[in-house]
C-alpha atoms as a PDB file:
ATOM      1  CA  MET A   1    -125.707  11.907  -8.739  1.00  0.00           C
ATOM      2  CA  SER A   2    -122.514  11.111 -10.608  1.00  0.00           C
ATOM      3  CA  GLU A   3    -121.820   7.942 -12.554  1.00  0.00           C
ATOM      4  CA  ILE A   4    -118.158   8.113 -11.510  1.00  0.00           C
ATOM      5  CA  TRP A   5    -118.719   6.190  -8.263  1.00  0.00           C
ATOM      6  CA  LYS A   6    -120.484   3.132  -9.657  1.00  0.00           C
ATOM      7  CA  SER A   7    -118.357   0.030  -9.047  1.00  0.00           C
ATOM      8  CA  ARG A   8    -115.434   2.082  -7.689  1.00  0.00           C
ATOM      9  CA  ASN A   9    -113.497   0.656  -4.761  1.00  0.00           C
ATOM     10  CA  VAL A  10    -113.210   3.583  -2.375  1.00  0.00           C
ATOM     11  CA  LEU A  11    -111.317   3.839   0.892  1.00  0.00           C
ATOM     12  CA  VAL A  12    -112.562   6.321   3.476  1.00  0.00           C
ATOM     13  CA  ALA A  13    -109.853   6.609   6.134  1.00  0.00           C
ATOM     14  CA  GLY A  14    -111.548   7.940   9.240  1.00  0.00           C
ATOM     15  CA  GLY A  15    -114.884   6.795   7.836  1.00  0.00           C
ATOM     16  CA  ALA A  16    -116.494   6.201  11.241  1.00  0.00           C
ATOM     17  CA  GLY A  17    -115.933   9.807  12.283  1.00  0.00           C
ATOM     18  CA  LEU A  18    -117.943  13.001  12.223  1.00  0.00           C
ATOM     19  CA  ILE A  19    -117.397  13.805   8.538  1.00  0.00           C
ATOM     20  CA  GLY A  20    -116.312  10.414   7.228  1.00  0.00           C
ATOM     21  CA  SER A  21    -119.538   8.654   8.168  1.00  0.00           C
ATOM     22  CA  TYR A  22    -121.547  11.126   6.075  1.00  0.00           C
ATOM     23  CA  LEU A  23    -119.118  10.676   3.185  1.00  0.00           C
ATOM     24  CA  VAL A  24    -119.645   6.915   3.398  1.00  0.00           C
ATOM     25  CA  GLU A  25    -123.408   7.486   3.100  1.00  0.00           C
ATOM     26  CA  HIS A  26    -122.996   9.664   0.009  1.00  0.00           C
ATOM     27  CA  LEU A  27    -120.648   7.183  -1.682  1.00  0.00           C
ATOM     28  CA  LEU A  28    -122.804   4.126  -0.987  1.00  0.00           C
ATOM     29  CA  ARG A  29    -125.848   5.951  -2.300  1.00  0.00           C
ATOM     30  CA  GLU A  30    -124.017   6.512  -5.585  1.00  0.00           C
ATOM     31  CA  GLY A  31    -122.979   2.895  -6.033  1.00  0.00           C
ATOM     32  CA  ALA A  32    -119.432   2.784  -4.693  1.00  0.00           C
ATOM     33  CA  SER A  33    -117.922  -0.203  -2.883  1.00  0.00           C
ATOM     34  CA  VAL A  34    -116.591   1.336   0.325  1.00  0.00           C
ATOM     35  CA  ARG A  35    -113.900   0.284   2.774  1.00  0.00           C
ATOM     36  CA  VAL A  36    -113.707   2.152   6.082  1.00  0.00           C
ATOM     37  CA  ALA A  37    -110.391   2.253   7.953  1.00  0.00           C
ATOM     38  CA  ASP A  38    -110.642   3.735  11.434  1.00  0.00           C
ATOM     39  CA  ASN A  39    -109.063   3.202  14.858  1.00  0.00           C
ATOM     40  CA  LEU A  40    -112.326   4.352  16.518  1.00  0.00           C
ATOM     41  CA  ASP A  41    -110.472   6.904  18.633  1.00  0.00           C
ATOM     42  CA  SER A  42    -112.581   9.770  17.286  1.00  0.00           C
ATOM     43  CA  GLY A  43    -115.330   7.784  15.584  1.00  0.00           C
ATOM     44  CA  THR A  44    -117.834   5.057  16.377  1.00  0.00           C
ATOM     45  CA  LEU A  45    -119.510   2.247  14.492  1.00  0.00           C
ATOM     46  CA  ASP A  46    -122.821   3.761  15.595  1.00  0.00           C
ATOM     47  CA  ASN A  47    -122.094   6.668  13.224  1.00  0.00           C
ATOM     48  CA  LEU A  48    -122.278   4.235  10.317  1.00  0.00           C
ATOM     49  CA  GLY A  49    -125.646   2.874  11.433  1.00  0.00           C
ATOM     50  CA  ASP A  50    -127.087   0.368   8.986  1.00  0.00           C
ATOM     51  CA  ASN A  51    -124.308   1.263   6.537  1.00  0.00           C
ATOM     52  CA  ALA A  52    -121.926  -0.736   8.707  1.00  0.00           C
ATOM     53  CA  LYS A  53    -123.397  -3.850   7.053  1.00  0.00           C
ATOM     54  CA  SER A  54    -122.566  -2.499   3.582  1.00  0.00           C
ATOM     55  CA  VAL A  55    -118.923  -1.533   4.063  1.00  0.00           C
ATOM     56  CA  ASP A  56    -115.678  -3.428   4.507  1.00  0.00           C
ATOM     57  CA  PHE A  57    -114.610  -2.158   7.931  1.00  0.00           C
ATOM     58  CA  VAL A  58    -111.020  -2.518   9.160  1.00  0.00           C
ATOM     59  CA  GLN A  59    -110.014  -1.262  12.589  1.00  0.00           C
ATOM     60  CA  VAL A  60    -106.405  -0.113  12.210  1.00  0.00           C
ATOM     61  CA  ASP A  61    -103.931   2.461  13.488  1.00  0.00           C
ATOM     62  CA  LEU A  62    -103.017   4.374  10.334  1.00  0.00           C
ATOM     63  CA  ARG A  63     -99.790   5.684  11.838  1.00  0.00           C
ATOM     64  CA  ASP A  64     -98.520   2.181  11.041  1.00  0.00           C
ATOM     65  CA  PRO A  65     -97.374   1.732   7.412  1.00  0.00           C
ATOM     66  CA  VAL A  66     -98.329  -1.968   7.484  1.00  0.00           C
ATOM     67  CA  ALA A  67    -101.867  -1.029   8.493  1.00  0.00           C
ATOM     68  CA  CYS A  68    -101.976   1.563   5.715  1.00  0.00           C
ATOM     69  CA  GLY A  69    -100.941  -1.104   3.213  1.00  0.00           C
ATOM     70  CA  LYS A  70    -103.818  -3.306   4.351  1.00  0.00           C
ATOM     71  CA  ALA A  71    -106.270  -0.417   4.103  1.00  0.00           C
ATOM     72  CA  THR A  72    -105.298   0.679   0.580  1.00  0.00           C
ATOM     73  CA  GLU A  73    -104.984  -2.753  -1.033  1.00  0.00           C
ATOM     74  CA  GLY A  74    -107.368  -3.127  -3.968  1.00  0.00           C
ATOM     75  CA  MET A  75    -108.645   0.470  -3.821  1.00  0.00           C
ATOM     76  CA  ASP A  76    -108.756   2.854  -6.775  1.00  0.00           C
ATOM     77  CA  THR A  77    -109.868   5.960  -4.856  1.00  0.00           C
ATOM     78  CA  ALA A  78    -109.006   7.080  -1.320  1.00  0.00           C
ATOM     79  CA  PHE A  79    -110.178   9.867   0.979  1.00  0.00           C
ATOM     80  CA  ASP A  80    -107.808  10.654   3.844  1.00  0.00           C
ATOM     81  CA  LEU A  81    -110.022  11.927   6.672  1.00  0.00           C
ATOM     82  CA  ALA A  82    -108.075  10.164   9.408  1.00  0.00           C
ATOM     83  CA  ALA A  83    -106.796  12.623  11.997  1.00  0.00           C
ATOM     84  CA  ARG A  84    -106.054  13.177  15.649  1.00  0.00           C
ATOM     85  CA  THR A  85    -108.889  15.520  16.646  1.00  0.00           C
ATOM     86  CA  VAL A  86    -108.582  17.413  19.922  1.00  0.00           C
ATOM     87  CA  GLY A  87    -109.536  20.802  21.314  1.00  0.00           C
ATOM     88  CA  ILE A  88    -107.308  23.877  21.346  1.00  0.00           C
ATOM     89  CA  GLY A  89    -106.448  23.437  25.030  1.00  0.00           C
ATOM     90  CA  TYR A  90    -104.667  20.142  24.348  1.00  0.00           C
ATOM     91  CA  SER A  91    -103.300  21.026  20.923  1.00  0.00           C
ATOM     92  CA  SER A  92    -101.693  24.271  22.101  1.00  0.00           C
ATOM     93  CA  SER A  93     -99.499  22.433  24.628  1.00  0.00           C
ATOM     94  CA  HIS A  94     -98.728  19.226  22.670  1.00  0.00           C
ATOM     95  CA  HIS A  95     -97.335  20.443  19.354  1.00  0.00           C
ATOM     96  CA  GLY A  96     -94.824  17.607  18.976  1.00  0.00           C
ATOM     97  CA  GLU A  97     -97.418  14.922  19.635  1.00  0.00           C
ATOM     98  CA  MET A  98     -99.933  16.520  17.273  1.00  0.00           C
ATOM     99  CA  LEU A  99     -97.335  16.885  14.520  1.00  0.00           C
ATOM    100  CA  TYR A 100     -96.151  13.284  14.802  1.00  0.00           C
ATOM    101  CA  ASP A 101     -99.577  11.640  14.961  1.00  0.00           C
ATOM    102  CA  SER A 102    -101.073  13.657  12.118  1.00  0.00           C
ATOM    103  CA  LEU A 103     -98.040  13.540   9.845  1.00  0.00           C
ATOM    104  CA  ALA A 104     -97.451   9.809  10.347  1.00  0.00           C
ATOM    105  CA  ILE A 105    -100.990   9.090   9.150  1.00  0.00           C
ATOM    106  CA  SER A 106    -100.713  11.347   6.102  1.00  0.00           C
ATOM    107  CA  ILE A 107     -97.277  10.207   4.960  1.00  0.00           C
ATOM    108  CA  ASN A 108     -97.897   6.491   5.403  1.00  0.00           C
ATOM    109  CA  LEU A 109    -101.382   6.466   3.890  1.00  0.00           C
ATOM    110  CA  LEU A 110    -100.481   8.331   0.702  1.00  0.00           C
ATOM    111  CA  GLU A 111     -97.324   6.280   0.179  1.00  0.00           C
ATOM    112  CA  SER A 112     -99.308   3.064   0.659  1.00  0.00           C
ATOM    113  CA  ALA A 113    -101.948   4.335  -1.762  1.00  0.00           C
ATOM    114  CA  ARG A 114     -99.247   4.998  -4.351  1.00  0.00           C
ATOM    115  CA  ARG A 115     -97.842   1.515  -3.970  1.00  0.00           C
ATOM    116  CA  ALA A 116    -101.332  -0.015  -4.182  1.00  0.00           C
ATOM    117  CA  GLY A 117    -102.099   1.786  -7.451  1.00  0.00           C
ATOM    118  CA  VAL A 118    -104.738   4.139  -6.052  1.00  0.00           C
ATOM    119  CA  GLN A 119    -105.342   6.725  -8.755  1.00  0.00           C
ATOM    120  CA  ARG A 120    -107.568   9.356  -7.110  1.00  0.00           C
ATOM    121  CA  TYR A 121    -106.733  10.636  -3.656  1.00  0.00           C
ATOM    122  CA  LEU A 122    -108.034  13.375  -1.382  1.00  0.00           C
ATOM    123  CA  VAL A 123    -105.701  15.095   1.076  1.00  0.00           C
ATOM    124  CA  THR A 124    -107.734  16.660   3.875  1.00  0.00           C
ATOM    125  CA  SER A 125    -105.998  19.724   5.262  1.00  0.00           C
ATOM    126  CA  SER A 126    -107.123  22.451   7.636  1.00  0.00           C
ATOM    127  CA  SER A 127    -107.483  26.183   8.092  1.00  0.00           C
ATOM    128  CA  CYS A 128    -104.858  25.704  10.845  1.00  0.00           C
ATOM    129  CA  VAL A 129    -102.208  25.979   8.100  1.00  0.00           C
ATOM    130  CA  TYR A 130    -102.905  29.710   7.867  1.00  0.00           C
ATOM    131  CA  PRO A 131    -100.751  32.215   9.795  1.00  0.00           C
ATOM    132  CA  ASP A 132    -102.267  34.187  12.661  1.00  0.00           C
ATOM    133  CA  VAL A 133    -101.796  37.378  10.615  1.00  0.00           C
ATOM    134  CA  SER A 134    -103.691  36.133   7.545  1.00  0.00           C
ATOM    135  CA  PRO A 135    -106.105  38.462   5.747  1.00  0.00           C
ATOM    136  CA  ILE A 136    -109.815  37.877   6.312  1.00  0.00           C
ATOM    137  CA  PRO A 137    -111.460  36.252   4.412  1.00  0.00           C
ATOM    138  CA  THR A 138    -108.366  34.094   4.025  1.00  0.00           C
ATOM    139  CA  PRO A 139    -107.293  33.076   0.488  1.00  0.00           C
ATOM    140  CA  GLU A 140    -105.362  29.885  -0.202  1.00  0.00           C
ATOM    141  CA  SER A 141    -102.224  31.913  -0.973  1.00  0.00           C
ATOM    142  CA  ALA A 142    -101.957  33.131   2.651  1.00  0.00           C
ATOM    143  CA  ALA A 143    -100.316  29.843   3.700  1.00  0.00           C
ATOM    144  CA  GLU A 144     -97.301  30.651   1.513  1.00  0.00           C
ATOM    145  CA  VAL A 145     -96.116  33.702   3.437  1.00  0.00           C
ATOM    146  CA  ASN A 146     -95.712  32.658   7.087  1.00  0.00           C
ATOM    147  CA  ASN A 147     -95.923  29.865   9.665  1.00  0.00           C
ATOM    148  CA  PRO A 148     -99.188  28.108  10.599  1.00  0.00           C
ATOM    149  CA  GLU A 149    -101.260  29.555  13.442  1.00  0.00           C
ATOM    150  CA  GLY A 150     -99.467  29.453  16.769  1.00  0.00           C
ATOM    151  CA  ALA A 151    -102.099  27.739  18.897  1.00  0.00           C
ATOM    152  CA  ASN A 152    -102.188  24.708  16.565  1.00  0.00           C
ATOM    153  CA  ALA A 153     -98.647  24.894  15.178  1.00  0.00           C
ATOM    154  CA  GLY A 154     -97.828  21.177  15.371  1.00  0.00           C
ATOM    155  CA  TYR A 155    -101.085  20.124  13.741  1.00  0.00           C
ATOM    156  CA  GLY A 156    -100.857  22.957  11.197  1.00  0.00           C
ATOM    157  CA  TRP A 157     -97.343  21.993  10.097  1.00  0.00           C
ATOM    158  CA  ALA A 158     -98.397  18.348   9.750  1.00  0.00           C
ATOM    159  CA  LYS A 159    -101.262  19.337   7.474  1.00  0.00           C
ATOM    160  CA  ARG A 160     -99.046  21.662   5.451  1.00  0.00           C
ATOM    161  CA  MET A 161     -96.540  18.853   4.861  1.00  0.00           C
ATOM    162  CA  ALA A 162     -99.373  16.524   3.837  1.00  0.00           C
ATOM    163  CA  GLU A 163    -100.368  19.084   1.210  1.00  0.00           C
ATOM    164  CA  TYR A 164     -96.833  19.200  -0.176  1.00  0.00           C
ATOM    165  CA  GLN A 165     -96.663  15.416  -0.251  1.00  0.00           C
ATOM    166  CA  GLY A 166     -99.862  15.358  -2.301  1.00  0.00           C
ATOM    167  CA  MET A 167     -98.503  17.948  -4.721  1.00  0.00           C
ATOM    168  CA  PHE A 168     -95.200  16.119  -5.130  1.00  0.00           C
ATOM    169  CA  TYR A 169     -96.843  12.712  -5.640  1.00  0.00           C
ATOM    170  CA  ALA A 170     -99.170  14.097  -8.286  1.00  0.00           C
ATOM    171  CA  LYS A 171     -96.229  15.506 -10.233  1.00  0.00           C
ATOM    172  CA  GLU A 172     -93.837  12.601  -9.734  1.00  0.00           C
ATOM    173  CA  TYR A 173     -96.188   9.611  -9.946  1.00  0.00           C
ATOM    174  CA  GLY A 174     -99.134  10.946 -11.957  1.00  0.00           C
ATOM    175  CA  MET A 175    -101.718  10.433  -9.207  1.00  0.00           C
ATOM    176  CA  ASP A 176    -104.924  12.479  -9.368  1.00  0.00           C
ATOM    177  CA  VAL A 177    -104.580  14.288  -6.040  1.00  0.00           C
ATOM    178  CA  SER A 178    -107.041  16.843  -4.693  1.00  0.00           C
ATOM    179  CA  ILE A 179    -106.417  18.939  -1.575  1.00  0.00           C
ATOM    180  CA  VAL A 180    -109.052  20.605   0.598  1.00  0.00           C
ATOM    181  CA  ARG A 181    -108.713  22.917   3.594  1.00  0.00           C
ATOM    182  CA  LEU A 182    -111.538  22.735   6.103  1.00  0.00           C
ATOM    183  CA  VAL A 183    -113.131  25.120   8.519  1.00  0.00           C
ATOM    184  CA  ASN A 184    -114.919  23.907  11.663  1.00  0.00           C
ATOM    185  CA  ALA A 185    -117.190  20.970  10.898  1.00  0.00           C
ATOM    186  CA  TYR A 186    -119.837  20.046  13.463  1.00  0.00           C
ATOM    187  CA  GLY A 187    -122.837  17.753  13.753  1.00  0.00           C
ATOM    188  CA  PRO A 188    -124.599  15.137  15.861  1.00  0.00           C
ATOM    189  CA  ARG A 189    -121.989  12.440  15.153  1.00  0.00           C
ATOM    190  CA  TYR A 190    -119.308  13.795  17.450  1.00  0.00           C
ATOM    191  CA  HIS A 191    -117.388  11.278  19.506  1.00  0.00           C
ATOM    192  CA  TRP A 192    -119.167  12.511  22.605  1.00  0.00           C
ATOM    193  CA  SER A 193    -117.014  10.620  25.084  1.00  0.00           C
ATOM    194  CA  HIS A 194    -113.807  12.147  23.692  1.00  0.00           C
ATOM    195  CA  GLY A 195    -111.649  13.682  26.424  1.00  0.00           C
ATOM    196  CA  GLU A 196    -110.634  16.812  24.479  1.00  0.00           C
ATOM    197  CA  PRO A 197    -113.718  17.992  22.570  1.00  0.00           C
ATOM    198  CA  HIS A 198    -114.019  21.024  20.314  1.00  0.00           C
ATOM    199  CA  VAL A 199    -116.022  24.114  21.181  1.00  0.00           C
ATOM    200  CA  ILE A 200    -119.536  22.935  20.246  1.00  0.00           C
ATOM    201  CA  PRO A 201    -119.520  19.507  21.950  1.00  0.00           C
ATOM    202  CA  ALA A 202    -117.717  21.019  24.957  1.00  0.00           C
ATOM    203  CA  LEU A 203    -120.438  23.650  25.318  1.00  0.00           C
ATOM    204  CA  ILE A 204    -123.214  21.117  24.911  1.00  0.00           C
ATOM    205  CA  ARG A 205    -121.743  18.877  27.605  1.00  0.00           C
ATOM    206  CA  ARG A 206    -121.604  21.792  30.037  1.00  0.00           C
ATOM    207  CA  LEU A 207    -125.139  22.865  29.165  1.00  0.00           C
ATOM    208  CA  VAL A 208    -126.547  19.377  29.666  1.00  0.00           C
ATOM    209  CA  ASN A 209    -124.772  19.241  33.030  1.00  0.00           C
ATOM    210  CA  ARG A 210    -126.250  22.675  33.837  1.00  0.00           C
ATOM    211  CA  GLU A 211    -122.896  24.113  34.871  1.00  0.00           C
ATOM    212  CA  ASP A 212    -123.342  27.509  36.517  1.00  0.00           C
ATOM    213  CA  PRO A 213    -121.483  29.633  35.736  1.00  0.00           C
ATOM    214  CA  LEU A 214    -120.951  28.409  32.186  1.00  0.00           C
ATOM    215  CA  LEU A 215    -117.218  28.922  31.575  1.00  0.00           C
ATOM    216  CA  ILE A 216    -116.172  29.970  28.053  1.00  0.00           C
ATOM    217  CA  TRP A 217    -112.500  30.175  27.069  1.00  0.00           C
ATOM    218  CA  GLY A 218    -111.511  33.558  25.669  1.00  0.00           C
ATOM    219  CA  SER A 219    -113.432  36.777  25.151  1.00  0.00           C
ATOM    220  CA  GLY A 220    -116.257  35.323  23.074  1.00  0.00           C
ATOM    221  CA  ARG A 221    -115.564  37.897  20.368  1.00  0.00           C
ATOM    222  CA  GLN A 222    -113.423  35.483  18.334  1.00  0.00           C
ATOM    223  CA  THR A 223    -115.245  34.202  15.267  1.00  0.00           C
ATOM    224  CA  ARG A 224    -115.255  30.872  13.460  1.00  0.00           C
ATOM    225  CA  SER A 225    -116.964  29.483  10.361  1.00  0.00           C
ATOM    226  CA  PHE A 226    -119.070  26.430  11.109  1.00  0.00           C
ATOM    227  CA  ILE A 227    -120.502  24.024   8.534  1.00  0.00           C
ATOM    228  CA  HIS A 228    -122.428  20.831   9.096  1.00  0.00           C
ATOM    229  CA  ALA A 229    -120.421  17.644   8.512  1.00  0.00           C
ATOM    230  CA  PHE A 230    -123.060  16.449   6.024  1.00  0.00           C
ATOM    231  CA  ASP A 231    -122.284  19.413   3.766  1.00  0.00           C
ATOM    232  CA  ILE A 232    -118.500  19.125   4.165  1.00  0.00           C
ATOM    233  CA  ALA A 233    -118.778  15.493   3.024  1.00  0.00           C
ATOM    234  CA  VAL A 234    -120.730  16.610  -0.051  1.00  0.00           C
ATOM    235  CA  LEU A 235    -118.010  19.133  -0.877  1.00  0.00           C
ATOM    236  CA  MET A 236    -115.268  16.530  -0.526  1.00  0.00           C
ATOM    237  CA  LYS A 237    -117.036  14.139  -2.860  1.00  0.00           C
ATOM    238  CA  LEU A 238    -117.671  16.875  -5.428  1.00  0.00           C
ATOM    239  CA  ILE A 239    -114.057  18.058  -5.383  1.00  0.00           C
ATOM    240  CA  VAL A 240    -112.788  14.526  -6.074  1.00  0.00           C
ATOM    241  CA  GLU A 241    -115.335  14.210  -8.891  1.00  0.00           C
ATOM    242  CA  ARG A 242    -114.199  17.533 -10.356  1.00  0.00           C
ATOM    243  CA  ASN A 243    -110.513  16.563  -9.896  1.00  0.00           C
ATOM    244  CA  PRO A 244    -109.254  20.141 -10.260  1.00  0.00           C
ATOM    245  CA  GLY A 245    -105.577  19.365  -9.625  1.00  0.00           C
ATOM    246  CA  PRO A 246    -103.044  19.099  -6.778  1.00  0.00           C
ATOM    247  CA  PHE A 247    -103.527  22.508  -5.189  1.00  0.00           C
ATOM    248  CA  PRO A 248    -105.316  23.522  -1.975  1.00  0.00           C
ATOM    249  CA  VAL A 249    -108.973  24.524  -2.140  1.00  0.00           C
ATOM    250  CA  ASN A 250    -110.736  26.163   0.797  1.00  0.00           C
ATOM    251  CA  ILE A 251    -114.100  24.492   1.383  1.00  0.00           C
ATOM    252  CA  GLY A 252    -116.916  25.508   3.690  1.00  0.00           C
ATOM    253  CA  GLN A 253    -119.453  28.300   3.908  1.00  0.00           C
ATOM    254  CA  PRO A 254    -118.573  32.016   3.889  1.00  0.00           C
ATOM    255  CA  GLU A 255    -120.193  33.334   7.067  1.00  0.00           C
ATOM    256  CA  ASP A 256    -118.338  33.375  10.370  1.00  0.00           C
ATOM    257  CA  THR A 257    -120.037  33.313  13.772  1.00  0.00           C
ATOM    258  CA  ALA A 258    -118.840  34.950  16.977  1.00  0.00           C
ATOM    259  CA  ILE A 259    -118.402  32.483  19.814  1.00  0.00           C
ATOM    260  CA  ASN A 260    -120.671  34.569  22.031  1.00  0.00           C
ATOM    261  CA  ASP A 261    -123.405  34.301  19.371  1.00  0.00           C
ATOM    262  CA  LEU A 262    -122.834  30.538  19.212  1.00  0.00           C
ATOM    263  CA  VAL A 263    -123.151  30.404  23.006  1.00  0.00           C
ATOM    264  CA  SER A 264    -126.344  32.453  22.842  1.00  0.00           C
ATOM    265  CA  GLN A 265    -127.937  30.092  20.321  1.00  0.00           C
ATOM    266  CA  LEU A 266    -126.977  26.987  22.281  1.00  0.00           C
ATOM    267  CA  THR A 267    -128.149  28.383  25.625  1.00  0.00           C
ATOM    268  CA  THR A 268    -131.489  29.221  24.001  1.00  0.00           C
ATOM    269  CA  ILE A 269    -131.818  25.734  22.503  1.00  0.00           C
ATOM    270  CA  ALA A 270    -130.909  24.222  25.889  1.00  0.00           C
ATOM    271  CA  GLY A 271    -133.211  26.499  27.885  1.00  0.00           C
ATOM    272  CA  TYR A 272    -130.224  27.498  30.032  1.00  0.00           C
ATOM    273  CA  LYS A 273    -130.898  30.211  32.647  1.00  0.00           C
ATOM    274  CA  GLY A 274    -127.522  30.362  34.409  1.00  0.00           C
ATOM    275  CA  THR A 275    -124.595  32.807  34.171  1.00  0.00           C
ATOM    276  CA  VAL A 276    -122.170  32.804  31.233  1.00  0.00           C
ATOM    277  CA  PHE A 277    -118.556  33.707  32.156  1.00  0.00           C
ATOM    278  CA  TYR A 278    -115.851  34.461  29.584  1.00  0.00           C
ATOM    279  CA  ASP A 279    -112.362  33.653  30.904  1.00  0.00           C
ATOM    280  CA  THR A 280    -109.923  35.840  28.980  1.00  0.00           C
ATOM    281  CA  SER A 281    -106.928  34.164  30.657  1.00  0.00           C
ATOM    282  CA  LYS A 282    -107.547  31.042  28.556  1.00  0.00           C
ATOM    283  CA  PRO A 283    -106.379  30.636  24.921  1.00  0.00           C
ATOM    284  CA  GLU A 284    -108.931  31.469  22.281  1.00  0.00           C
ATOM    285  CA  GLY A 285    -106.910  31.085  19.082  1.00  0.00           C
ATOM    286  CA  PRO A 286    -107.053  33.600  16.215  1.00  0.00           C
ATOM    287  CA  ALA A 287    -109.478  36.514  16.569  1.00  0.00           C
ATOM    288  CA  ARG A 288    -111.252  35.563  13.359  1.00  0.00           C
ATOM    289  CA  LYS A 289    -111.340  32.608  10.987  1.00  0.00           C
ATOM    290  CA  CYS A 290    -113.199  32.994   7.722  1.00  0.00           C
ATOM    291  CA  LEU A 291    -112.006  31.484   4.472  1.00  0.00           C
ATOM    292  CA  ASP A 292    -112.093  33.035   1.017  1.00  0.00           C
ATOM    293  CA  LEU A 293    -114.239  30.575  -0.937  1.00  0.00           C
ATOM    294  CA  SER A 294    -113.784  32.125  -4.374  1.00  0.00           C
ATOM    295  CA  LEU A 295    -112.048  29.026  -5.712  1.00  0.00           C
ATOM    296  CA  GLN A 296    -114.722  26.714  -4.302  1.00  0.00           C
ATOM    297  CA  SER A 297    -117.383  28.877  -5.964  1.00  0.00           C
ATOM    298  CA  GLU A 298    -115.503  28.732  -9.257  1.00  0.00           C
ATOM    299  CA  LEU A 299    -115.132  24.950  -9.154  1.00  0.00           C
ATOM    300  CA  LEU A 300    -118.563  24.169  -7.676  1.00  0.00           C
ATOM    301  CA  PRO A 301    -120.816  27.112  -8.594  1.00  0.00           C
ATOM    302  CA  ASP A 302    -124.049  25.268  -7.770  1.00  0.00           C
ATOM    303  CA  PHE A 303    -123.124  24.160  -4.250  1.00  0.00           C
ATOM    304  CA  ARG A 304    -125.211  25.492  -1.374  1.00  0.00           C
ATOM    305  CA  PRO A 305    -125.120  24.163   2.205  1.00  0.00           C
ATOM    306  CA  SER A 306    -128.269  22.182   2.926  1.00  0.00           C
ATOM    307  CA  ILE A 307    -128.280  22.540   6.735  1.00  0.00           C
ATOM    308  CA  SER A 308    -128.406  25.949   8.461  1.00  0.00           C
ATOM    309  CA  LEU A 309    -126.406  26.653  11.615  1.00  0.00           C
ATOM    310  CA  ARG A 310    -129.522  26.830  13.780  1.00  0.00           C
ATOM    311  CA  GLU A 311    -130.921  23.561  12.407  1.00  0.00           C
ATOM    312  CA  GLY A 312    -127.543  21.884  12.782  1.00  0.00           C
ATOM    313  CA  LEU A 313    -127.111  23.111  16.362  1.00  0.00           C
ATOM    314  CA  GLU A 314    -130.553  21.780  17.270  1.00  0.00           C
ATOM    315  CA  GLN A 315    -129.632  18.370  15.812  1.00  0.00           C
ATOM    316  CA  THR A 316    -126.287  18.395  17.572  1.00  0.00           C
ATOM    317  CA  TYR A 317    -127.650  19.483  20.935  1.00  0.00           C
ATOM    318  CA  ALA A 318    -130.311  16.749  20.823  1.00  0.00           C
ATOM    319  CA  ALA A 319    -127.644  14.108  20.173  1.00  0.00           C
ATOM    320  CA  GLY A 320    -125.379  15.451  22.911  1.00  0.00           C
ATOM    321  CA  GLU A 321    -128.217  15.724  25.407  1.00  0.00           C
ATOM    322  CA  ALA A 322    -129.188  12.094  24.758  1.00  0.00           C
ATOM    323  CA  PHE A 323    -125.600  10.921  25.262  1.00  0.00           C
ATOM    324  CA  PHE A 324    -124.719  12.927  28.346  1.00  0.00           C
ATOM    325  CA  SER A 325    -128.075  12.378  30.040  1.00  0.00           C
ATOM    326  CA  ALA A 326    -127.697   8.621  29.575  1.00  0.00           C
ATOM    327  CA  ALA A 327    -124.176   8.793  30.995  1.00  0.00           C
ATOM    328  CA  LYS A 328    -125.264  10.412  34.277  1.00  0.00           C
END
């Protein structure tokens, strides 16, 4: 535990979401006073559980600068985890919408934080900023040489601009800004009723419904790095504690998993006996995503993920099964 959080007024934007709700837990445990700002589009108050009684919750649309001003007032630290989270199918055909929604949140929240006197600030970026032709594992420098990945171009550009805003504000206004780039976070606190889910909740929904054949977008050979939201939240908190400077840091775990292996694990957990069909006419995104975590290891040499992929998938499937079975 770190003494830095005792009596700090901390804003977690997106704090009712998959990652944010775990971050709220970590911060409360270490003595922080926490405000959660969330529009509940991708999060739920149920994710906060009993912690909902211990936080100052404001339901706001953070694309609105007035709402951002309300959220940041009186805070000395802020974590920007607010985002429009959708699956690749929607993102790949709505680049303008994804750019506007994501960038409006980032620009307005950081500017409001500056005006409110917030000193420490976390910009949450994404591996979507990396070009399709990036080396694997992908170092932070790869984002400097080409455009963000094509399938998520609007979202990727929004996150890249948020990074630059953080860098500029640190230099111009003296704010302590940290920037992290995420891989795929997962866990039982998905917004299960969301209309455009990511790969793991989408698969779990189909498995609970016993779809046969089980349709998978792409070849299944594409790989992604998955890390439990609990561990991503730990990394975010540690990076802000370390306050390394206003430059991007890849965070996550180094191993990548093929989608067909992910499907195999989930079908085993679900006891699924049907046919799995890979539809190669559908978009699958980059062939491989795996981040170079050398900088993370240098900054946080003692960090180890606490939840394995298999354990996390079992947790997540159980939560999804409970939700979708109740909804039938």
